[in-house]
Amino acid sequence: MSTRSAAMAFRLALAAAVGAIAVVTPVELLILPLAAWAFLTWRWAAGGFVGWAAPAAVLVAVAAAAAFAPVKNLDRIKDRRITVPRATMTIAELREPEEHGLARPSLSYSMGSTAGTDERVVRFASPTPSIREFIGAIEAQAGLRHRFYHCLNGWTILWGYDATTGLGFSAPRS
């Protein structure tokens, strides 16, 4: 192997390593692998376009693979099963179940601005839907949209949000 191709192989391996570190680094510390990457590309720029473009492509490929990897924390949360008090509930009952003599579903959620939707009925496929099924039923049958609330602490490209603090439903924006 020539010195030139060995140098390129080393650059590609180093780009893959920096990419792997970057995708698991929490957002609070992401500046560290990015600073290392900036230093390396500045050094490799002397080699012309190919000197930094090929390693950059490897880094982008690693980051893209991590961004679309099916290992996000939010996906695991959505797969959790919850218990709803009845298989058929109105939006008003979902918003304030205690006022209607029902137990709150075993999930922390809130219903925001839902004017005009209180009497809409939502039918759940089972008394223990997954959170994904719970969200899907409300969105499809009541026309509301969901949003998970979270902070960026611990967010990574590979695993996504670390701390999900709640689920909210509201009318879609016009």
N, C-alpha and C. Protein backbone atom coordinates (compact mmCIF):
# COMPACT_ATOMS: atom_id res chain seq x y z
N MET A 1 0.86 -1.17 0.00
CA MET A 1 0.00 0.00 0.00
C MET A 1 0.90 1.23 0.00
N SER A 2 0.59 2.16 -0.85
CA SER A 2 1.41 3.37 -0.94
C SER A 2 1.14 4.27 0.27
N THR A 3 2.06 5.17 0.48
CA THR A 3 1.92 6.11 1.59
C THR A 3 0.68 6.96 1.43
N ARG A 4 0.39 7.34 0.19
CA ARG A 4 -0.77 8.18 -0.08
C ARG A 4 -2.08 7.44 0.23
N SER A 5 -2.19 6.18 -0.20
CA SER A 5 -3.42 5.43 0.07
C SER A 5 -3.52 5.05 1.55
N ALA A 6 -2.38 4.82 2.20
CA ALA A 6 -2.40 4.55 3.64
C ALA A 6 -2.86 5.78 4.41
N ALA A 7 -2.42 6.95 3.98
CA ALA A 7 -2.86 8.19 4.63
C ALA A 7 -4.36 8.39 4.45
N MET A 8 -4.87 8.08 3.25
CA MET A 8 -6.31 8.22 3.01
C MET A 8 -7.09 7.21 3.84
N ALA A 9 -6.61 5.98 3.93
CA ALA A 9 -7.29 4.96 4.74
C ALA A 9 -7.33 5.41 6.21
N PHE A 10 -6.23 5.99 6.68
CA PHE A 10 -6.18 6.49 8.06
C PHE A 10 -7.19 7.62 8.25
N ARG A 11 -7.27 8.54 7.28
CA ARG A 11 -8.22 9.66 7.37
C ARG A 11 -9.67 9.15 7.40
N LEU A 12 -9.95 8.16 6.56
CA LEU A 12 -11.31 7.62 6.53
C LEU A 12 -11.65 6.94 7.86
N ALA A 13 -10.71 6.17 8.39
CA ALA A 13 -10.93 5.51 9.68
C ALA A 13 -11.10 6.54 10.79
N LEU A 14 -10.29 7.59 10.76
CA LEU A 14 -10.39 8.63 11.77
C LEU A 14 -11.73 9.38 11.65
N ALA A 15 -12.16 9.62 10.42
CA ALA A 15 -13.46 10.28 10.21
C ALA A 15 -14.59 9.41 10.76
N ALA A 16 -14.52 8.10 10.53
CA ALA A 16 -15.53 7.18 11.06
C ALA A 16 -15.51 7.19 12.59
N ALA A 17 -14.32 7.24 13.17
CA ALA A 17 -14.22 7.26 14.64
C ALA A 17 -14.78 8.56 15.21
N VAL A 18 -14.44 9.68 14.60
CA VAL A 18 -14.98 10.97 15.07
C VAL A 18 -16.51 10.97 14.91
N GLY A 19 -17.00 10.42 13.80
CA GLY A 19 -18.44 10.34 13.60
C GLY A 19 -19.12 9.48 14.64
N ALA A 20 -18.52 8.33 14.96
CA ALA A 20 -19.07 7.44 15.97
C ALA A 20 -19.11 8.11 17.35
N ILE A 21 -18.06 8.85 17.65
CA ILE A 21 -18.03 9.57 18.93
C ILE A 21 -19.07 10.68 18.93
N ALA A 22 -19.19 11.39 17.81
CA ALA A 22 -20.13 12.52 17.74
C ALA A 22 -21.58 12.07 17.90
N VAL A 23 -21.95 10.93 17.35
CA VAL A 23 -23.36 10.53 17.39
C VAL A 23 -23.81 10.02 18.75
N VAL A 24 -22.88 9.68 19.63
CA VAL A 24 -23.26 9.25 20.98
C VAL A 24 -22.93 10.29 22.04
N THR A 25 -22.38 11.42 21.62
CA THR A 25 -22.03 12.49 22.55
C THR A 25 -23.26 13.35 22.82
N PRO A 26 -23.60 13.59 24.08
CA PRO A 26 -24.74 14.47 24.39
C PRO A 26 -24.51 15.87 23.80
N VAL A 27 -25.60 16.52 23.46
CA VAL A 27 -25.54 17.81 22.79
C VAL A 27 -24.72 18.83 23.58
N GLU A 28 -24.71 18.70 24.90
CA GLU A 28 -23.96 19.64 25.73
C GLU A 28 -22.46 19.57 25.47
N LEU A 29 -21.98 18.40 25.04
CA LEU A 29 -20.55 18.19 24.82
C LEU A 29 -20.19 18.02 23.35
N LEU A 30 -21.16 18.19 22.47
CA LEU A 30 -20.95 17.93 21.05
C LEU A 30 -19.88 18.83 20.43
N ILE A 31 -19.59 19.93 21.05
CA ILE A 31 -18.56 20.84 20.54
C ILE A 31 -17.18 20.17 20.52
N LEU A 32 -16.95 19.21 21.41
CA LEU A 32 -15.62 18.58 21.47
C LEU A 32 -15.29 17.76 20.21
N PRO A 33 -16.13 16.80 19.80
CA PRO A 33 -15.79 16.09 18.56
C PRO A 33 -15.85 17.00 17.33
N LEU A 34 -16.71 18.02 17.36
CA LEU A 34 -16.78 18.94 16.22
C LEU A 34 -15.52 19.80 16.13
N ALA A 35 -14.98 20.19 17.27
CA ALA A 35 -13.72 20.94 17.26
C ALA A 35 -12.59 20.06 16.75
N ALA A 36 -12.56 18.81 17.16
CA ALA A 36 -11.54 17.88 16.65
C ALA A 36 -11.68 17.72 15.14
N TRP A 37 -12.92 17.61 14.67
CA TRP A 37 -13.17 17.48 13.23
C TRP A 37 -12.71 18.74 12.49
N ALA A 38 -12.99 19.90 13.02
CA ALA A 38 -12.57 21.16 12.38
C ALA A 38 -11.05 21.22 12.28
N PHE A 39 -10.37 20.81 13.35
CA PHE A 39 -8.90 20.82 13.32
C PHE A 39 -8.38 19.85 12.26
N LEU A 40 -8.93 18.65 12.21
CA LEU A 40 -8.47 17.66 11.24
C LEU A 40 -8.71 18.12 9.80
N THR A 41 -9.88 18.66 9.52
CA THR A 41 -10.16 19.09 8.14
C THR A 41 -9.30 20.28 7.76
N TRP A 42 -8.96 21.12 8.71
CA TRP A 42 -8.06 22.24 8.43
C TRP A 42 -6.69 21.68 8.03
N ARG A 43 -6.25 20.64 8.74
CA ARG A 43 -4.95 20.02 8.42
C ARG A 43 -5.00 19.30 7.08
N TRP A 44 -6.13 18.65 6.78
CA TRP A 44 -6.24 17.87 5.55
C TRP A 44 -6.52 18.73 4.33
N ALA A 45 -6.93 19.98 4.53
CA ALA A 45 -7.24 20.86 3.40
C ALA A 45 -6.03 21.08 2.50
N ALA A 46 -4.86 20.91 3.06
CA ALA A 46 -3.64 21.07 2.25
C ALA A 46 -3.58 19.99 1.17
N GLY A 47 -4.27 18.88 1.36
CA GLY A 47 -4.29 17.80 0.38
C GLY A 47 -5.28 18.03 -0.74
N GLY A 48 -5.90 19.19 -0.79
CA GLY A 48 -6.87 19.49 -1.83
C GLY A 48 -8.25 18.96 -1.47
N PHE A 49 -9.14 19.04 -2.44
CA PHE A 49 -10.53 18.67 -2.22
C PHE A 49 -10.68 17.22 -1.75
N VAL A 50 -10.00 16.30 -2.39
CA VAL A 50 -10.11 14.89 -2.03
C VAL A 50 -9.56 14.65 -0.63
N GLY A 51 -8.60 15.45 -0.21
CA GLY A 51 -8.00 15.28 1.11
C GLY A 51 -8.99 15.42 2.25
N TRP A 52 -10.01 16.22 2.07
CA TRP A 52 -11.00 16.37 3.14
C TRP A 52 -12.40 15.92 2.72
N ALA A 53 -12.70 15.85 1.43
CA ALA A 53 -14.05 15.50 0.98
C ALA A 53 -14.41 14.04 1.29
N ALA A 54 -13.51 13.12 1.03
CA ALA A 54 -13.81 11.71 1.29
C ALA A 54 -14.03 11.46 2.78
N PRO A 55 -13.15 11.95 3.68
CA PRO A 55 -13.43 11.77 5.11
C PRO A 55 -14.73 12.47 5.54
N ALA A 56 -15.01 13.62 4.94
CA ALA A 56 -16.26 14.32 5.28
C ALA A 56 -17.46 13.48 4.88
N ALA A 57 -17.39 12.83 3.74
CA ALA A 57 -18.48 11.96 3.29
C ALA A 57 -18.69 10.80 4.26
N VAL A 58 -17.59 10.25 4.78
CA VAL A 58 -17.70 9.16 5.76
C VAL A 58 -18.37 9.67 7.03
N LEU A 59 -17.97 10.84 7.51
CA LEU A 59 -18.55 11.41 8.71
C LEU A 59 -20.04 11.67 8.52
N VAL A 60 -20.42 12.23 7.39
CA VAL A 60 -21.83 12.50 7.10
C VAL A 60 -22.61 11.18 7.03
N ALA A 61 -22.03 10.16 6.43
CA ALA A 61 -22.71 8.85 6.34
C ALA A 61 -22.94 8.25 7.72
N VAL A 62 -21.96 8.36 8.60
CA VAL A 62 -22.11 7.83 9.96
C VAL A 62 -23.21 8.61 10.69
N ALA A 63 -23.19 9.93 10.58
CA ALA A 63 -24.20 10.75 11.26
C ALA A 63 -25.60 10.48 10.69
N ALA A 64 -25.72 10.33 9.37
CA ALA A 64 -27.03 10.05 8.76
C ALA A 64 -27.54 8.67 9.19
N ALA A 65 -26.67 7.69 9.22
CA ALA A 65 -27.09 6.35 9.66
C ALA A 65 -27.59 6.41 11.10
N ALA A 66 -26.91 7.16 11.95
CA ALA A 66 -27.32 7.27 13.35
C ALA A 66 -28.64 8.03 13.47
N ALA A 67 -28.82 9.06 12.66
CA ALA A 67 -30.05 9.86 12.73
C ALA A 67 -31.27 9.03 12.36
N PHE A 68 -31.11 8.09 11.44
CA PHE A 68 -32.25 7.28 11.00
C PHE A 68 -32.29 5.89 11.63
N ALA A 69 -31.38 5.60 12.55
CA ALA A 69 -31.36 4.29 13.21
C ALA A 69 -32.61 4.13 14.07
N PRO A 70 -33.20 2.95 14.07
CA PRO A 70 -34.44 2.73 14.82
C PRO A 70 -34.20 2.42 16.30
N VAL A 71 -33.38 3.21 16.95
CA VAL A 71 -33.06 2.96 18.36
C VAL A 71 -33.36 4.18 19.23
N LYS A 72 -34.24 5.05 18.78
CA LYS A 72 -34.53 6.27 19.51
C LYS A 72 -35.31 5.98 20.79
N ASN A 73 -35.00 6.71 21.84
CA ASN A 73 -35.70 6.56 23.12
C ASN A 73 -37.19 6.79 22.97
N LEU A 74 -37.57 7.76 22.14
CA LEU A 74 -38.98 8.08 21.95
C LEU A 74 -39.74 6.90 21.33
N ASP A 75 -39.09 6.14 20.46
CA ASP A 75 -39.74 4.96 19.89
C ASP A 75 -40.02 3.91 20.96
N ARG A 76 -39.08 3.75 21.89
CA ARG A 76 -39.30 2.80 22.99
C ARG A 76 -40.44 3.27 23.89
N ILE A 77 -40.51 4.59 24.12
CA ILE A 77 -41.59 5.12 24.95
C ILE A 77 -42.93 4.88 24.26
N LYS A 78 -43.00 5.12 22.95
CA LYS A 78 -44.26 4.94 22.22
C LYS A 78 -44.72 3.49 22.19
N ASP A 79 -43.82 2.56 22.37
CA ASP A 79 -44.18 1.14 22.35
C ASP A 79 -44.68 0.64 23.71
N ARG A 80 -44.55 1.47 24.76
CA ARG A 80 -45.05 1.09 26.08
C ARG A 80 -46.57 0.97 26.07
N ARG A 81 -47.10 0.04 26.82
CA ARG A 81 -48.55 -0.14 26.91
C ARG A 81 -49.09 0.67 28.09
N ILE A 82 -50.27 1.23 27.90
CA ILE A 82 -50.95 1.97 28.97
C ILE A 82 -52.33 1.37 29.16
N THR A 83 -53.02 1.80 30.19
CA THR A 83 -54.38 1.33 30.45
C THR A 83 -55.32 2.52 30.36
N VAL A 84 -56.37 2.39 29.56
CA VAL A 84 -57.41 3.42 29.48
C VAL A 84 -58.64 2.89 30.22
N PRO A 85 -59.42 3.77 30.88
CA PRO A 85 -60.55 3.30 31.68
C PRO A 85 -61.68 2.68 30.86
N ARG A 86 -61.84 3.14 29.61
CA ARG A 86 -62.89 2.59 28.75
C ARG A 86 -62.36 2.55 27.32
N ALA A 87 -62.90 1.66 26.52
CA ALA A 87 -62.47 1.55 25.13
C ALA A 87 -63.00 2.69 24.27
N THR A 88 -64.06 3.37 24.74
CA THR A 88 -64.64 4.50 24.03
C THR A 88 -64.73 5.67 25.00
N MET A 89 -64.10 6.79 24.63
CA MET A 89 -64.10 7.98 25.48
C MET A 89 -64.24 9.23 24.62
N THR A 90 -64.88 10.25 25.18
CA THR A 90 -64.94 11.54 24.48
C THR A 90 -63.67 12.33 24.80
N ILE A 91 -63.42 13.36 24.03
CA ILE A 91 -62.27 14.23 24.31
C ILE A 91 -62.41 14.87 25.68
N ALA A 92 -63.64 15.27 26.04
CA ALA A 92 -63.86 15.86 27.37
C ALA A 92 -63.48 14.86 28.46
N GLU A 93 -63.82 13.59 28.28
CA GLU A 93 -63.46 12.56 29.26
C GLU A 93 -61.95 12.33 29.30
N LEU A 94 -61.32 12.41 28.15
CA LEU A 94 -59.87 12.24 28.12
C LEU A 94 -59.17 13.44 28.78
N ARG A 95 -59.73 14.65 28.58
CA ARG A 95 -59.09 15.84 29.15
C ARG A 95 -59.22 15.85 30.67
N GLU A 96 -60.41 15.58 31.18
CA GLU A 96 -60.66 15.62 32.62
C GLU A 96 -61.38 14.33 33.05
N PRO A 97 -60.69 13.20 33.05
CA PRO A 97 -61.38 11.93 33.36
C PRO A 97 -61.98 11.91 34.77
N GLU A 98 -61.32 12.54 35.74
CA GLU A 98 -61.80 12.52 37.11
C GLU A 98 -63.16 13.20 37.23
N GLU A 99 -63.40 14.26 36.43
CA GLU A 99 -64.68 14.97 36.47
C GLU A 99 -65.82 14.11 35.92
N HIS A 100 -65.48 13.07 35.18
CA HIS A 100 -66.49 12.18 34.60
C HIS A 100 -66.53 10.83 35.32
N GLY A 101 -65.91 10.78 36.50
CA GLY A 101 -65.93 9.56 37.29
C GLY A 101 -65.04 8.45 36.75
N LEU A 102 -64.02 8.82 35.97
CA LEU A 102 -63.12 7.83 35.39
C LEU A 102 -61.72 7.97 35.96
N ALA A 103 -60.99 6.89 35.92
CA ALA A 103 -59.58 6.95 36.32
C ALA A 103 -58.78 7.52 35.15
N ARG A 104 -57.75 8.26 35.47
CA ARG A 104 -56.88 8.81 34.42
C ARG A 104 -56.09 7.66 33.80
N PRO A 105 -55.98 7.64 32.45
CA PRO A 105 -55.14 6.62 31.82
C PRO A 105 -53.73 6.65 32.42
N SER A 106 -53.08 5.53 32.43
CA SER A 106 -51.77 5.42 33.08
C SER A 106 -50.68 6.05 32.22
N LEU A 107 -50.84 7.35 31.96
CA LEU A 107 -49.91 8.11 31.13
C LEU A 107 -50.09 9.58 31.48
N SER A 108 -48.99 10.29 31.60
CA SER A 108 -49.06 11.73 31.86
C SER A 108 -49.22 12.45 30.52
N TYR A 109 -50.34 13.12 30.35
CA TYR A 109 -50.60 13.87 29.12
C TYR A 109 -51.49 15.06 29.44
N SER A 110 -51.58 15.98 28.51
CA SER A 110 -52.47 17.13 28.68
C SER A 110 -53.19 17.39 27.36
N MET A 111 -54.36 17.96 27.48
CA MET A 111 -55.14 18.35 26.31
C MET A 111 -55.17 19.87 26.29
N GLY A 112 -54.58 20.46 25.28
CA GLY A 112 -54.53 21.91 25.16
C GLY A 112 -55.83 22.46 24.60
N SER A 113 -55.71 23.43 23.73
CA SER A 113 -56.87 24.07 23.11
C SER A 113 -57.59 23.07 22.22
N THR A 114 -58.75 22.61 22.68
CA THR A 114 -59.52 21.63 21.92
C THR A 114 -60.94 22.11 21.72
N ALA A 115 -61.15 23.41 21.59
CA ALA A 115 -62.49 23.98 21.43
C ALA A 115 -63.21 23.30 20.27
N GLY A 116 -64.45 22.91 20.53
CA GLY A 116 -65.26 22.28 19.50
C GLY A 116 -65.03 20.79 19.32
N THR A 117 -64.17 20.22 20.12
CA THR A 117 -63.88 18.79 19.96
C THR A 117 -64.28 17.97 21.18
N ASP A 118 -64.84 18.63 22.21
CA ASP A 118 -65.14 17.92 23.47
C ASP A 118 -66.06 16.71 23.29
N GLU A 119 -67.00 16.76 22.37
CA GLU A 119 -67.95 15.67 22.21
C GLU A 119 -67.49 14.61 21.21
N ARG A 120 -66.34 14.83 20.58
CA ARG A 120 -65.85 13.80 19.64
C ARG A 120 -65.49 12.54 20.42
N VAL A 121 -65.80 11.43 19.83
CA VAL A 121 -65.59 10.13 20.47
C VAL A 121 -64.33 9.48 19.90
N VAL A 122 -63.54 8.92 20.80
CA VAL A 122 -62.34 8.19 20.41
C VAL A 122 -62.52 6.75 20.85
N ARG A 123 -62.34 5.83 19.92
CA ARG A 123 -62.46 4.40 20.21
C ARG A 123 -61.06 3.78 20.16
N PHE A 124 -60.70 3.15 21.24
CA PHE A 124 -59.40 2.49 21.30
C PHE A 124 -59.58 1.01 20.96
N ALA A 125 -58.62 0.44 20.29
CA ALA A 125 -58.70 -0.96 19.85
C ALA A 125 -58.71 -1.94 21.02
N SER A 126 -58.10 -1.53 22.12
CA SER A 126 -58.07 -2.40 23.30
C SER A 126 -57.99 -1.52 24.55
N PRO A 127 -58.25 -2.09 25.73
CA PRO A 127 -58.13 -1.30 26.95
C PRO A 127 -56.67 -1.06 27.36
N THR A 128 -55.75 -1.71 26.66
CA THR A 128 -54.32 -1.52 26.95
C THR A 128 -53.56 -1.19 25.65
N PRO A 129 -53.85 -0.03 25.06
CA PRO A 129 -53.14 0.31 23.82
C PRO A 129 -51.70 0.73 24.11
N SER A 130 -50.87 0.65 23.10
CA SER A 130 -49.54 1.24 23.24
C SER A 130 -49.71 2.75 23.17
N ILE A 131 -48.73 3.48 23.61
CA ILE A 131 -48.81 4.94 23.53
C ILE A 131 -48.93 5.36 22.07
N ARG A 132 -48.27 4.65 21.17
CA ARG A 132 -48.36 4.93 19.73
C ARG A 132 -49.81 4.76 19.25
N GLU A 133 -50.49 3.69 19.71
CA GLU A 133 -51.88 3.46 19.34
C GLU A 133 -52.81 4.49 19.97
N PHE A 134 -52.53 4.89 21.21
CA PHE A 134 -53.29 5.92 21.91
C PHE A 134 -53.23 7.23 21.13
N ILE A 135 -52.02 7.63 20.74
CA ILE A 135 -51.83 8.86 19.97
C ILE A 135 -52.53 8.75 18.62
N GLY A 136 -52.34 7.62 17.94
CA GLY A 136 -52.95 7.42 16.62
C GLY A 136 -54.46 7.51 16.65
N ALA A 137 -55.08 6.92 17.67
CA ALA A 137 -56.54 6.94 17.78
C ALA A 137 -57.04 8.37 17.98
N ILE A 138 -56.39 9.11 18.86
CA ILE A 138 -56.82 10.49 19.12
C ILE A 138 -56.62 11.37 17.89
N GLU A 139 -55.48 11.22 17.23
CA GLU A 139 -55.23 12.05 16.05
C GLU A 139 -56.20 11.71 14.91
N ALA A 140 -56.43 10.43 14.67
CA ALA A 140 -57.27 10.02 13.55
C ALA A 140 -58.75 10.31 13.79
N GLN A 141 -59.21 10.12 15.02
CA GLN A 141 -60.64 10.22 15.28
C GLN A 141 -61.10 11.58 15.81
N ALA A 142 -60.18 12.33 16.42
CA ALA A 142 -60.57 13.63 16.99
C ALA A 142 -59.93 14.80 16.24
N GLY A 143 -58.98 14.51 15.37
CA GLY A 143 -58.35 15.59 14.61
C GLY A 143 -57.36 16.42 15.39
N LEU A 144 -56.95 15.96 16.56
CA LEU A 144 -55.96 16.67 17.35
C LEU A 144 -54.56 16.21 16.95
N ARG A 145 -53.57 16.98 17.30
CA ARG A 145 -52.18 16.63 17.03
C ARG A 145 -51.43 16.49 18.35
N HIS A 146 -50.45 15.59 18.36
CA HIS A 146 -49.69 15.38 19.59
C HIS A 146 -48.31 16.04 19.49
N ARG A 147 -47.74 16.22 20.65
CA ARG A 147 -46.37 16.73 20.74
C ARG A 147 -45.78 16.22 22.05
N PHE A 148 -44.58 15.67 21.96
CA PHE A 148 -43.87 15.28 23.17
C PHE A 148 -43.04 16.47 23.64
N TYR A 149 -43.07 16.71 24.93
CA TYR A 149 -42.27 17.78 25.51
C TYR A 149 -41.01 17.15 26.10
N HIS A 150 -39.91 17.83 25.93
CA HIS A 150 -38.63 17.29 26.38
C HIS A 150 -37.63 18.42 26.47
N CYS A 151 -36.54 18.13 27.12
CA CYS A 151 -35.44 19.08 27.14
C CYS A 151 -34.31 18.47 26.31
N LEU A 152 -33.33 19.26 25.99
CA LEU A 152 -32.22 18.76 25.18
C LEU A 152 -31.13 18.11 26.01
N ASN A 153 -31.25 18.13 27.34
CA ASN A 153 -30.23 17.50 28.15
C ASN A 153 -30.12 16.03 27.78
N GLY A 154 -28.94 15.59 27.42
CA GLY A 154 -28.72 14.19 27.09
C GLY A 154 -29.09 13.81 25.68
N TRP A 155 -29.56 14.76 24.85
CA TRP A 155 -29.94 14.45 23.47
C TRP A 155 -28.70 14.04 22.68
N THR A 156 -28.83 12.96 21.92
CA THR A 156 -27.75 12.53 21.04
C THR A 156 -28.33 12.25 19.65
N ILE A 157 -27.47 12.25 18.66
CA ILE A 157 -27.91 11.97 17.30
C ILE A 157 -28.42 10.53 17.21
N LEU A 158 -27.76 9.61 17.89
CA LEU A 158 -28.14 8.20 17.80
C LEU A 158 -29.40 7.87 18.59
N TRP A 159 -29.47 8.27 19.85
CA TRP A 159 -30.58 7.87 20.71
C TRP A 159 -31.68 8.91 20.83
N GLY A 160 -31.48 10.10 20.33
CA GLY A 160 -32.52 11.13 20.38
C GLY A 160 -32.65 11.73 21.76
N TYR A 161 -33.88 12.12 22.09
CA TYR A 161 -34.14 12.80 23.36
C TYR A 161 -34.03 11.82 24.52
N ASP A 162 -33.41 12.30 25.57
CA ASP A 162 -33.20 11.46 26.74
C ASP A 162 -34.32 11.63 27.75
N ALA A 163 -34.75 12.85 27.96
CA ALA A 163 -35.74 13.13 28.99
C ALA A 163 -37.03 13.65 28.36
N THR A 164 -38.02 12.78 28.23
CA THR A 164 -39.33 13.19 27.74
C THR A 164 -40.16 13.54 28.96
N THR A 165 -40.63 14.78 29.01
CA THR A 165 -41.31 15.25 30.21
C THR A 165 -42.82 15.22 30.12
N GLY A 166 -43.38 14.98 28.94
CA GLY A 166 -44.84 14.92 28.86
C GLY A 166 -45.32 14.82 27.42
N LEU A 167 -46.60 14.59 27.30
CA LEU A 167 -47.26 14.46 26.01
C LEU A 167 -48.43 15.42 26.03
N GLY A 168 -48.55 16.19 24.96
CA GLY A 168 -49.66 17.15 24.86
C GLY A 168 -50.43 16.98 23.57
N PHE A 169 -51.72 17.25 23.61
CA PHE A 169 -52.58 17.22 22.44
C PHE A 169 -53.18 18.60 22.28
N SER A 170 -53.29 19.06 21.04
CA SER A 170 -53.95 20.33 20.76
C SER A 170 -54.49 20.32 19.35
N ALA A 171 -55.32 21.32 19.05
CA ALA A 171 -55.86 21.45 17.71
C ALA A 171 -54.72 21.79 16.76
N PRO A 172 -54.77 21.28 15.51
CA PRO A 172 -53.70 21.60 14.57
C PRO A 172 -53.69 23.09 14.24
N ARG A 173 -52.50 23.59 13.98
CA ARG A 173 -52.36 24.99 13.60
C ARG A 173 -52.85 25.19 12.19
N SER A 174 -53.50 26.30 11.97
CA SER A 174 -54.03 26.58 10.61
C SER A 174 -53.00 27.20 9.72
